[in-house]
N, C-alpha and C. Protein backbone atom coordinates (compact mmCIF):
# COMPACT_ATOMS: atom_id res chain seq x y z
N MET A 1 254.54 -31.98 186.88
CA MET A 1 254.75 -33.42 186.77
C MET A 1 255.35 -33.77 185.42
N ASN A 2 256.33 -34.65 185.44
CA ASN A 2 256.97 -35.10 184.21
C ASN A 2 256.62 -36.57 183.97
N LEU A 3 256.26 -36.87 182.73
CA LEU A 3 255.77 -38.20 182.36
C LEU A 3 256.72 -38.88 181.40
N ALA A 4 257.05 -40.14 181.68
CA ALA A 4 257.76 -40.99 180.73
C ALA A 4 256.80 -42.07 180.28
N ILE A 5 256.70 -42.24 178.97
CA ILE A 5 255.86 -43.29 178.41
C ILE A 5 256.79 -44.36 177.84
N PHE A 6 256.61 -45.59 178.27
CA PHE A 6 257.40 -46.72 177.79
C PHE A 6 256.56 -47.48 176.76
N ALA A 7 257.09 -47.66 175.56
CA ALA A 7 256.35 -48.36 174.51
C ALA A 7 257.29 -49.09 173.57
N SER A 8 256.81 -50.20 173.02
CA SER A 8 257.63 -51.03 172.13
C SER A 8 257.03 -51.23 170.75
N GLY A 9 255.82 -50.72 170.51
CA GLY A 9 255.14 -51.09 169.27
C GLY A 9 254.59 -49.92 168.49
N ASN A 10 253.32 -50.05 168.13
CA ASN A 10 252.66 -49.08 167.26
C ASN A 10 252.53 -47.71 167.92
N GLY A 11 252.17 -47.70 169.19
CA GLY A 11 252.13 -46.43 169.91
C GLY A 11 250.82 -45.68 169.87
N SER A 12 249.71 -46.38 169.68
CA SER A 12 248.44 -45.64 169.64
C SER A 12 248.09 -45.07 171.02
N ASN A 13 248.42 -45.77 172.09
CA ASN A 13 248.19 -45.19 173.42
C ASN A 13 249.14 -44.04 173.70
N PHE A 14 250.37 -44.15 173.22
CA PHE A 14 251.31 -43.03 173.30
C PHE A 14 250.70 -41.80 172.63
N ALA A 15 250.19 -41.98 171.41
CA ALA A 15 249.61 -40.86 170.66
C ALA A 15 248.41 -40.27 171.40
N ALA A 16 247.59 -41.13 172.00
CA ALA A 16 246.42 -40.64 172.74
C ALA A 16 246.85 -39.82 173.96
N LEU A 17 247.91 -40.26 174.63
CA LEU A 17 248.40 -39.51 175.79
C LEU A 17 249.02 -38.18 175.39
N VAL A 18 249.81 -38.19 174.32
CA VAL A 18 250.42 -36.94 173.84
C VAL A 18 249.33 -35.95 173.43
N LYS A 19 248.30 -36.45 172.77
CA LYS A 19 247.18 -35.59 172.37
C LYS A 19 246.50 -34.99 173.61
N ALA A 20 246.30 -35.81 174.64
CA ALA A 20 245.66 -35.32 175.86
C ALA A 20 246.51 -34.25 176.55
N VAL A 21 247.83 -34.42 176.50
CA VAL A 21 248.74 -33.42 177.07
C VAL A 21 248.65 -32.12 176.26
N LYS A 22 248.72 -32.23 174.93
CA LYS A 22 248.67 -31.04 174.09
C LYS A 22 247.36 -30.29 174.21
N GLU A 23 246.27 -31.04 174.43
CA GLU A 23 244.96 -30.41 174.59
C GLU A 23 244.70 -29.97 176.04
N LYS A 24 245.75 -30.11 176.88
CA LYS A 24 245.70 -29.69 178.28
C LYS A 24 244.64 -30.44 179.10
N LYS A 25 244.31 -31.66 178.67
CA LYS A 25 243.43 -32.52 179.46
C LYS A 25 244.20 -33.16 180.61
N ILE A 26 245.51 -33.26 180.42
CA ILE A 26 246.41 -33.75 181.48
C ILE A 26 247.45 -32.66 181.69
N LYS A 27 247.63 -32.24 182.93
CA LYS A 27 248.59 -31.17 183.22
C LYS A 27 249.97 -31.77 183.50
N ILE A 28 250.72 -31.97 182.44
CA ILE A 28 252.06 -32.53 182.50
C ILE A 28 253.01 -31.49 181.90
N LYS A 29 254.15 -31.31 182.54
CA LYS A 29 255.11 -30.34 182.02
C LYS A 29 255.97 -30.92 180.90
N PHE A 30 256.27 -32.21 180.99
CA PHE A 30 257.25 -32.78 180.06
C PHE A 30 256.92 -34.24 179.81
N VAL A 31 257.10 -34.65 178.58
CA VAL A 31 256.88 -36.04 178.20
C VAL A 31 258.12 -36.56 177.47
N VAL A 32 258.50 -37.79 177.79
CA VAL A 32 259.59 -38.45 177.09
C VAL A 32 259.14 -39.87 176.76
N LEU A 33 259.56 -40.37 175.61
CA LEU A 33 259.29 -41.76 175.23
C LEU A 33 260.53 -42.60 175.50
N VAL A 34 260.34 -43.75 176.14
CA VAL A 34 261.39 -44.75 176.30
C VAL A 34 260.97 -45.96 175.48
N SER A 35 261.84 -46.39 174.57
CA SER A 35 261.53 -47.56 173.75
C SER A 35 262.75 -48.45 173.64
N ASP A 36 262.48 -49.75 173.55
CA ASP A 36 263.54 -50.73 173.36
C ASP A 36 263.58 -51.22 171.91
N GLN A 37 262.75 -50.62 171.05
CA GLN A 37 262.64 -51.05 169.65
C GLN A 37 262.83 -49.85 168.72
N PRO A 38 264.05 -49.63 168.20
CA PRO A 38 264.30 -48.45 167.37
C PRO A 38 263.44 -48.37 166.11
N GLU A 39 262.98 -49.52 165.61
CA GLU A 39 262.18 -49.52 164.38
C GLU A 39 260.67 -49.43 164.65
N ALA A 40 260.28 -49.38 165.91
CA ALA A 40 258.86 -49.35 166.25
C ALA A 40 258.21 -48.06 165.74
N PHE A 41 256.96 -48.17 165.34
CA PHE A 41 256.25 -47.01 164.82
C PHE A 41 256.07 -45.93 165.88
N VAL A 42 256.05 -46.33 167.16
CA VAL A 42 255.92 -45.34 168.22
C VAL A 42 257.08 -44.35 168.19
N VAL A 43 258.26 -44.79 167.78
CA VAL A 43 259.42 -43.89 167.71
C VAL A 43 259.17 -42.82 166.65
N LYS A 44 258.62 -43.23 165.52
CA LYS A 44 258.28 -42.26 164.46
C LYS A 44 257.20 -41.29 164.94
N ARG A 45 256.23 -41.80 165.66
CA ARG A 45 255.17 -40.93 166.22
C ARG A 45 255.79 -39.87 167.13
N ALA A 46 256.71 -40.31 167.99
CA ALA A 46 257.35 -39.38 168.92
C ALA A 46 258.18 -38.33 168.19
N GLN A 47 258.93 -38.77 167.20
CA GLN A 47 259.75 -37.83 166.44
C GLN A 47 258.87 -36.80 165.73
N LYS A 48 257.77 -37.26 165.15
CA LYS A 48 256.85 -36.35 164.46
C LYS A 48 256.25 -35.33 165.43
N ALA A 49 255.99 -35.78 166.66
CA ALA A 49 255.40 -34.90 167.68
C ALA A 49 256.46 -34.08 168.42
N ARG A 50 257.73 -34.26 168.03
CA ARG A 50 258.86 -33.57 168.66
C ARG A 50 258.97 -33.89 170.15
N ILE A 51 258.78 -35.16 170.44
CA ILE A 51 258.91 -35.68 171.80
C ILE A 51 260.29 -36.34 171.91
N THR A 52 260.98 -36.08 172.99
CA THR A 52 262.29 -36.69 173.23
C THR A 52 262.16 -38.21 173.26
N VAL A 53 263.05 -38.90 172.57
CA VAL A 53 263.04 -40.36 172.52
C VAL A 53 264.32 -40.89 173.18
N ILE A 54 264.13 -41.81 174.12
CA ILE A 54 265.26 -42.52 174.73
C ILE A 54 265.20 -43.95 174.21
N LEU A 55 266.17 -44.34 173.40
CA LEU A 55 266.23 -45.69 172.86
C LEU A 55 267.25 -46.50 173.65
N VAL A 56 266.79 -47.61 174.19
CA VAL A 56 267.67 -48.51 174.94
C VAL A 56 267.35 -49.93 174.48
N LYS A 57 268.23 -50.50 173.67
CA LYS A 57 268.00 -51.84 173.13
C LYS A 57 268.50 -52.90 174.11
N ARG A 58 267.64 -53.85 174.43
CA ARG A 58 267.99 -54.88 175.41
C ARG A 58 269.22 -55.67 174.98
N GLU A 59 269.34 -55.94 173.68
CA GLU A 59 270.46 -56.76 173.20
C GLU A 59 271.82 -56.08 173.33
N ASP A 60 271.82 -54.80 173.63
CA ASP A 60 273.08 -54.08 173.84
C ASP A 60 273.66 -54.28 175.24
N PHE A 61 272.94 -55.02 176.09
CA PHE A 61 273.36 -55.17 177.48
C PHE A 61 273.45 -56.64 177.85
N ALA A 62 274.40 -56.95 178.72
CA ALA A 62 274.64 -58.33 179.12
C ALA A 62 273.52 -58.88 180.00
N SER A 63 272.84 -58.01 180.72
CA SER A 63 271.80 -58.48 181.64
C SER A 63 270.64 -57.50 181.68
N ARG A 64 269.52 -57.98 182.22
CA ARG A 64 268.36 -57.10 182.40
C ARG A 64 268.72 -55.98 183.37
N ALA A 65 269.51 -56.29 184.38
CA ALA A 65 269.92 -55.27 185.36
C ALA A 65 270.67 -54.14 184.67
N ASP A 66 271.59 -54.48 183.76
CA ASP A 66 272.34 -53.44 183.04
C ASP A 66 271.43 -52.64 182.12
N PHE A 67 270.50 -53.33 181.46
CA PHE A 67 269.52 -52.69 180.57
C PHE A 67 268.69 -51.67 181.35
N GLU A 68 268.17 -52.10 182.50
CA GLU A 68 267.35 -51.20 183.30
C GLU A 68 268.18 -50.07 183.92
N ALA A 69 269.42 -50.36 184.28
CA ALA A 69 270.29 -49.32 184.83
C ALA A 69 270.52 -48.21 183.80
N ALA A 70 270.64 -48.60 182.53
CA ALA A 70 270.81 -47.60 181.46
C ALA A 70 269.56 -46.73 181.32
N ILE A 71 268.39 -47.34 181.43
CA ILE A 71 267.14 -46.56 181.37
C ILE A 71 267.07 -45.60 182.56
N ILE A 72 267.34 -46.12 183.73
CA ILE A 72 267.28 -45.29 184.95
C ILE A 72 268.24 -44.11 184.84
N GLN A 73 269.44 -44.37 184.37
CA GLN A 73 270.43 -43.30 184.24
C GLN A 73 269.94 -42.21 183.29
N ARG A 74 269.33 -42.59 182.18
CA ARG A 74 268.85 -41.60 181.21
C ARG A 74 267.62 -40.86 181.72
N LEU A 75 266.80 -41.55 182.50
CA LEU A 75 265.60 -40.88 183.04
C LEU A 75 265.95 -39.83 184.08
N LYS A 76 267.09 -39.97 184.74
CA LYS A 76 267.49 -39.00 185.77
C LYS A 76 267.54 -37.58 185.23
N ASN A 77 267.86 -37.44 183.95
CA ASN A 77 267.95 -36.10 183.34
C ASN A 77 266.59 -35.41 183.25
N TYR A 78 265.51 -36.18 183.40
CA TYR A 78 264.18 -35.62 183.16
C TYR A 78 263.31 -35.55 184.42
N LYS A 79 263.83 -35.98 185.55
CA LYS A 79 263.08 -35.90 186.82
C LYS A 79 261.65 -36.43 186.65
N ILE A 80 261.55 -37.69 186.28
CA ILE A 80 260.26 -38.30 185.97
C ILE A 80 259.44 -38.53 187.24
N ASP A 81 258.19 -38.08 187.20
CA ASP A 81 257.26 -38.27 188.31
C ASP A 81 256.36 -39.49 188.11
N LEU A 82 256.10 -39.84 186.85
CA LEU A 82 255.19 -40.93 186.55
C LEU A 82 255.66 -41.65 185.29
N ILE A 83 255.61 -42.98 185.33
CA ILE A 83 255.90 -43.81 184.16
C ILE A 83 254.60 -44.48 183.74
N ALA A 84 254.24 -44.33 182.48
CA ALA A 84 253.05 -44.97 181.92
C ALA A 84 253.51 -46.02 180.91
N LEU A 85 253.23 -47.27 181.19
CA LEU A 85 253.55 -48.35 180.26
C LEU A 85 252.43 -48.42 179.23
N ALA A 86 252.83 -48.36 177.97
CA ALA A 86 251.84 -48.33 176.87
C ALA A 86 252.30 -49.31 175.79
N GLY A 87 252.21 -50.59 176.11
CA GLY A 87 252.67 -51.59 175.16
C GLY A 87 254.18 -51.79 175.24
N PHE A 88 254.75 -51.64 176.41
CA PHE A 88 256.17 -51.93 176.61
C PHE A 88 256.24 -53.42 176.93
N MET A 89 256.77 -54.20 176.01
CA MET A 89 256.63 -55.65 176.09
C MET A 89 257.75 -56.32 176.89
N ARG A 90 258.06 -55.73 178.03
CA ARG A 90 259.05 -56.30 178.94
C ARG A 90 258.56 -56.16 180.37
N MET A 91 258.80 -57.21 181.14
CA MET A 91 258.52 -57.13 182.58
C MET A 91 259.62 -56.30 183.23
N LEU A 92 259.25 -55.39 184.08
CA LEU A 92 260.22 -54.62 184.84
C LEU A 92 260.60 -55.40 186.10
N SER A 93 261.87 -55.31 186.46
CA SER A 93 262.36 -56.06 187.62
C SER A 93 261.80 -55.48 188.91
N PRO A 94 261.79 -56.29 189.98
CA PRO A 94 261.36 -55.76 191.28
C PRO A 94 262.17 -54.54 191.71
N GLY A 95 263.46 -54.51 191.39
CA GLY A 95 264.29 -53.36 191.74
C GLY A 95 263.84 -52.09 191.03
N PHE A 96 263.50 -52.22 189.74
CA PHE A 96 263.02 -51.06 188.99
C PHE A 96 261.68 -50.59 189.56
N VAL A 97 260.78 -51.53 189.80
CA VAL A 97 259.46 -51.19 190.34
C VAL A 97 259.61 -50.50 191.69
N LYS A 98 260.53 -51.00 192.52
CA LYS A 98 260.74 -50.40 193.84
C LYS A 98 261.27 -48.98 193.73
N LEU A 99 262.18 -48.75 192.77
CA LEU A 99 262.75 -47.42 192.59
C LEU A 99 261.67 -46.39 192.23
N TYR A 100 260.71 -46.80 191.41
CA TYR A 100 259.62 -45.91 191.01
C TYR A 100 258.31 -46.31 191.70
N HIS A 101 258.43 -46.79 192.92
CA HIS A 101 257.28 -47.26 193.69
C HIS A 101 256.17 -46.21 193.70
N LYS A 102 254.96 -46.67 193.42
CA LYS A 102 253.76 -45.83 193.38
C LYS A 102 253.72 -44.92 192.17
N ARG A 103 254.67 -45.08 191.24
CA ARG A 103 254.73 -44.14 190.12
C ARG A 103 254.82 -44.84 188.76
N ILE A 104 254.44 -46.11 188.68
CA ILE A 104 254.39 -46.83 187.40
C ILE A 104 252.97 -47.35 187.22
N ILE A 105 252.35 -47.01 186.09
CA ILE A 105 251.02 -47.53 185.78
C ILE A 105 251.05 -48.22 184.43
N ASN A 106 250.08 -49.09 184.21
CA ASN A 106 250.01 -49.86 182.98
C ASN A 106 248.57 -49.90 182.50
N ILE A 107 248.41 -50.06 181.20
CA ILE A 107 247.08 -50.28 180.63
C ILE A 107 247.05 -51.67 180.03
N HIS A 108 245.94 -52.38 180.27
CA HIS A 108 245.82 -53.76 179.80
C HIS A 108 244.46 -53.94 179.12
N PRO A 109 244.43 -54.61 177.96
CA PRO A 109 243.18 -54.73 177.19
C PRO A 109 242.29 -55.88 177.64
N ALA A 110 241.98 -55.91 178.92
CA ALA A 110 241.06 -56.89 179.49
C ALA A 110 240.64 -56.40 180.87
N LEU A 111 239.65 -57.06 181.43
CA LEU A 111 239.20 -56.74 182.78
C LEU A 111 239.99 -57.61 183.75
N LEU A 112 241.14 -57.11 184.18
CA LEU A 112 241.97 -57.88 185.11
C LEU A 112 241.17 -58.16 186.38
N PRO A 113 241.35 -59.34 186.96
CA PRO A 113 242.45 -60.29 186.74
C PRO A 113 242.25 -61.27 185.59
N ALA A 114 241.17 -61.14 184.82
CA ALA A 114 240.96 -62.06 183.69
C ALA A 114 241.89 -61.72 182.54
N PHE A 115 242.31 -62.74 181.82
CA PHE A 115 243.05 -62.61 180.56
C PHE A 115 244.32 -61.77 180.65
N LYS A 116 245.20 -62.21 181.52
CA LYS A 116 246.51 -61.58 181.61
C LYS A 116 247.33 -61.99 180.39
N GLY A 117 248.41 -61.25 180.14
CA GLY A 117 249.33 -61.63 179.07
C GLY A 117 249.16 -60.85 177.79
N ALA A 118 249.96 -61.23 176.81
CA ALA A 118 250.09 -60.46 175.57
C ALA A 118 248.93 -60.63 174.60
N HIS A 119 248.07 -61.62 174.79
CA HIS A 119 247.00 -61.89 173.82
C HIS A 119 245.62 -61.79 174.46
N ALA A 120 245.45 -60.81 175.31
CA ALA A 120 244.24 -60.71 176.12
C ALA A 120 242.97 -60.55 175.29
N ILE A 121 243.03 -59.79 174.21
CA ILE A 121 241.83 -59.57 173.40
C ILE A 121 241.42 -60.87 172.72
N ARG A 122 242.39 -61.54 172.11
CA ARG A 122 242.11 -62.82 171.46
C ARG A 122 241.62 -63.85 172.49
N ASP A 123 242.25 -63.87 173.65
CA ASP A 123 241.88 -64.84 174.68
C ASP A 123 240.44 -64.63 175.15
N ALA A 124 240.02 -63.38 175.30
CA ALA A 124 238.64 -63.09 175.70
C ALA A 124 237.67 -63.54 174.62
N LEU A 125 238.00 -63.29 173.38
CA LEU A 125 237.14 -63.69 172.26
C LEU A 125 237.05 -65.21 172.19
N ASP A 126 238.18 -65.88 172.31
CA ASP A 126 238.20 -67.35 172.26
C ASP A 126 237.43 -67.98 173.42
N ALA A 127 237.43 -67.31 174.56
CA ALA A 127 236.74 -67.84 175.74
C ALA A 127 235.22 -67.67 175.65
N LYS A 128 234.77 -66.92 174.65
CA LYS A 128 233.35 -66.69 174.42
C LYS A 128 232.64 -66.07 175.65
N VAL A 129 233.37 -65.16 176.31
CA VAL A 129 232.74 -64.42 177.41
C VAL A 129 231.86 -63.32 176.83
N ASN A 130 230.93 -62.83 177.62
CA ASN A 130 230.02 -61.80 177.14
C ASN A 130 230.62 -60.40 177.18
N PHE A 131 231.57 -60.19 178.11
CA PHE A 131 232.14 -58.87 178.30
C PHE A 131 233.66 -58.97 178.41
N THR A 132 234.32 -57.94 177.99
CA THR A 132 235.73 -57.74 178.25
C THR A 132 235.90 -56.25 178.50
N GLY A 133 237.10 -55.74 178.40
CA GLY A 133 237.25 -54.31 178.63
C GLY A 133 238.70 -53.90 178.75
N VAL A 134 238.93 -52.86 179.53
CA VAL A 134 240.26 -52.27 179.69
C VAL A 134 240.48 -51.99 181.18
N THR A 135 241.71 -52.21 181.62
CA THR A 135 242.11 -51.93 182.99
C THR A 135 243.34 -51.04 183.00
N VAL A 136 243.33 -50.00 183.80
CA VAL A 136 244.53 -49.22 184.09
C VAL A 136 244.85 -49.50 185.55
N HIS A 137 246.11 -49.89 185.81
CA HIS A 137 246.47 -50.30 187.16
C HIS A 137 247.89 -49.89 187.50
N PHE A 138 248.17 -49.83 188.80
CA PHE A 138 249.54 -49.65 189.26
C PHE A 138 250.31 -50.94 189.00
N VAL A 139 251.58 -50.79 188.74
CA VAL A 139 252.45 -51.94 188.46
C VAL A 139 253.08 -52.42 189.76
N ASP A 140 253.04 -53.74 189.95
CA ASP A 140 253.77 -54.35 191.05
C ASP A 140 254.71 -55.41 190.45
N ASN A 141 255.11 -56.38 191.25
CA ASN A 141 256.11 -57.33 190.78
C ASN A 141 255.55 -58.53 190.02
N GLN A 142 254.25 -58.54 189.77
CA GLN A 142 253.64 -59.61 188.99
C GLN A 142 253.15 -59.06 187.65
N MET A 143 253.04 -59.96 186.67
CA MET A 143 252.57 -59.54 185.35
C MET A 143 251.08 -59.20 185.39
N ASP A 144 250.74 -58.04 184.83
CA ASP A 144 249.34 -57.61 184.71
C ASP A 144 248.62 -57.74 186.06
N HIS A 145 249.22 -57.14 187.06
CA HIS A 145 248.72 -57.25 188.42
C HIS A 145 249.02 -55.93 189.13
N GLY A 146 248.26 -55.64 190.13
CA GLY A 146 248.46 -54.43 190.92
C GLY A 146 247.14 -53.70 191.10
N PRO A 147 247.07 -52.79 192.05
CA PRO A 147 245.82 -52.08 192.34
C PRO A 147 245.26 -51.37 191.10
N VAL A 148 243.96 -51.56 190.92
CA VAL A 148 243.26 -50.99 189.76
C VAL A 148 242.98 -49.51 189.99
N ILE A 149 243.25 -48.71 188.97
CA ILE A 149 242.90 -47.29 188.99
C ILE A 149 241.54 -47.09 188.32
N LEU A 150 241.40 -47.62 187.12
CA LEU A 150 240.13 -47.55 186.38
C LEU A 150 239.93 -48.84 185.59
N GLN A 151 238.68 -49.24 185.46
CA GLN A 151 238.30 -50.34 184.58
C GLN A 151 237.00 -49.95 183.90
N LYS A 152 236.89 -50.39 182.66
CA LYS A 152 235.63 -50.17 181.95
C LYS A 152 235.38 -51.38 181.05
N GLN A 153 234.16 -51.84 181.05
CA GLN A 153 233.84 -53.02 180.25
C GLN A 153 233.13 -52.66 178.96
N ILE A 154 233.23 -53.56 178.00
CA ILE A 154 232.44 -53.47 176.78
C ILE A 154 231.88 -54.85 176.49
N LYS A 155 230.74 -54.86 175.84
CA LYS A 155 230.11 -56.12 175.48
C LYS A 155 230.80 -56.69 174.24
N ILE A 156 231.05 -57.97 174.25
CA ILE A 156 231.55 -58.64 173.04
C ILE A 156 230.33 -58.99 172.21
N LYS A 157 230.29 -58.45 171.00
CA LYS A 157 229.14 -58.66 170.13
C LYS A 157 229.23 -60.04 169.47
N ARG A 158 228.07 -60.56 169.14
CA ARG A 158 228.00 -61.91 168.54
C ARG A 158 228.83 -62.02 167.27
N LEU A 159 228.87 -60.95 166.49
CA LEU A 159 229.59 -60.98 165.21
C LEU A 159 230.99 -60.38 165.30
N ASP A 160 231.47 -60.09 166.50
CA ASP A 160 232.82 -59.53 166.65
C ASP A 160 233.87 -60.49 166.10
N SER A 161 234.78 -59.92 165.33
CA SER A 161 236.00 -60.62 164.92
C SER A 161 237.12 -60.11 165.82
N LEU A 162 238.29 -60.72 165.72
CA LEU A 162 239.42 -60.21 166.49
C LEU A 162 239.69 -58.76 166.11
N SER A 163 239.63 -58.46 164.83
CA SER A 163 239.90 -57.10 164.34
C SER A 163 238.88 -56.09 164.87
N SER A 164 237.61 -56.42 164.82
CA SER A 164 236.59 -55.46 165.27
C SER A 164 236.66 -55.27 166.78
N LEU A 165 236.94 -56.34 167.52
CA LEU A 165 237.05 -56.22 168.97
C LEU A 165 238.30 -55.42 169.35
N GLU A 166 239.41 -55.67 168.67
CA GLU A 166 240.63 -54.89 168.93
C GLU A 166 240.38 -53.41 168.71
N LYS A 167 239.67 -53.07 167.65
CA LYS A 167 239.40 -51.66 167.33
C LYS A 167 238.61 -51.01 168.46
N ARG A 168 237.60 -51.69 168.98
CA ARG A 168 236.79 -51.12 170.05
C ARG A 168 237.56 -51.05 171.37
N ILE A 169 238.37 -52.07 171.63
CA ILE A 169 239.20 -52.06 172.85
C ILE A 169 240.20 -50.90 172.80
N HIS A 170 240.86 -50.72 171.65
CA HIS A 170 241.85 -49.65 171.54
C HIS A 170 241.19 -48.27 171.70
N ALA A 171 240.01 -48.09 171.15
CA ALA A 171 239.30 -46.82 171.33
C ALA A 171 239.01 -46.57 172.81
N LEU A 172 238.64 -47.62 173.52
CA LEU A 172 238.38 -47.50 174.96
C LEU A 172 239.67 -47.20 175.72
N GLU A 173 240.77 -47.83 175.33
CA GLU A 173 242.07 -47.53 175.96
C GLU A 173 242.42 -46.06 175.83
N HIS A 174 242.22 -45.51 174.61
CA HIS A 174 242.59 -44.12 174.34
C HIS A 174 241.74 -43.15 175.16
N GLU A 175 240.56 -43.58 175.53
CA GLU A 175 239.70 -42.76 176.38
C GLU A 175 240.09 -42.91 177.86
N LEU A 176 240.36 -44.14 178.28
CA LEU A 176 240.56 -44.44 179.70
C LEU A 176 241.93 -44.02 180.23
N TYR A 177 242.99 -44.20 179.43
CA TYR A 177 244.34 -43.94 179.94
C TYR A 177 244.53 -42.48 180.35
N PRO A 178 244.16 -41.51 179.51
CA PRO A 178 244.28 -40.11 179.96
C PRO A 178 243.46 -39.82 181.22
N GLN A 179 242.27 -40.44 181.33
CA GLN A 179 241.45 -40.23 182.53
C GLN A 179 242.16 -40.74 183.77
N ALA A 180 242.77 -41.93 183.67
CA ALA A 180 243.47 -42.52 184.81
C ALA A 180 244.66 -41.67 185.23
N ILE A 181 245.40 -41.18 184.25
CA ILE A 181 246.56 -40.34 184.57
C ILE A 181 246.11 -39.03 185.22
N LYS A 182 245.02 -38.49 184.75
CA LYS A 182 244.48 -37.26 185.37
C LYS A 182 244.09 -37.53 186.82
N LEU A 183 243.45 -38.66 187.08
CA LEU A 183 243.09 -39.02 188.46
C LEU A 183 244.34 -39.12 189.33
N PHE A 184 245.40 -39.72 188.79
CA PHE A 184 246.67 -39.84 189.52
C PHE A 184 247.24 -38.46 189.82
N LEU A 185 247.30 -37.61 188.80
CA LEU A 185 247.88 -36.28 188.96
C LEU A 185 247.08 -35.41 189.91
N ASP A 186 245.76 -35.59 189.91
CA ASP A 186 244.89 -34.81 190.78
C ASP A 186 244.82 -35.37 192.21
N GLY A 187 245.57 -36.48 192.44
CA GLY A 187 245.57 -37.09 193.77
C GLY A 187 244.27 -37.76 194.14
N LYS A 188 243.51 -38.20 193.13
CA LYS A 188 242.18 -38.77 193.37
C LYS A 188 242.17 -40.30 193.35
N VAL A 189 243.34 -40.92 193.27
CA VAL A 189 243.40 -42.39 193.36
C VAL A 189 244.31 -42.75 194.52
N LYS A 190 243.98 -43.83 195.18
CA LYS A 190 244.82 -44.32 196.26
C LYS A 190 246.02 -45.02 195.64
N ARG A 191 247.19 -44.60 196.02
CA ARG A 191 248.39 -45.21 195.48
C ARG A 191 248.72 -46.47 196.27
N LEU A 192 249.65 -47.23 195.75
CA LEU A 192 250.07 -48.46 196.42
C LEU A 192 250.50 -48.16 197.86
N LYS A 193 250.11 -49.02 198.78
CA LYS A 193 250.54 -48.87 200.17
C LYS A 193 251.91 -49.48 200.36
N GLY A 194 252.61 -49.02 201.40
CA GLY A 194 253.91 -49.62 201.72
C GLY A 194 255.05 -48.84 201.18
């Protein structure tokens, strides 16, 4: 199985997945990073780990369709079996999702369907809920939506700040994402129907 990780930012989930591959916790033959942000720290992480980087900047293309077509064209060289979104801050088009149907997963720092969007940790803290957590799910045509592969909750502590809660959520993400990918690779999760 060949894995492409899509990321736009710091890349801590990318690093956790690469570590899991190197430690043979996930049986993947090949990993490639796709990023739309050449200055993102995830690119430096990939270069340091000697992981192939595919950079495709959205502003270099007239449309989202052209942008995604460039990604698809470059991915063809690697025969990708699974795409893991790890902080890739762009919605994929229905056409892209259909092309990789049943083979795109995402990690989200909340217990979906609660707190969708880019500020899920802050939103959970502001809502003063008792629990939040992490969800790994298949990607469909809606934002932060699709069949759940794994979810795990954590208690929001009375003295939690945004920083302390983010730290605990990210630690949980780094634990859960490799587990979810292993379940997928081992055929132990039901994939999207249709």
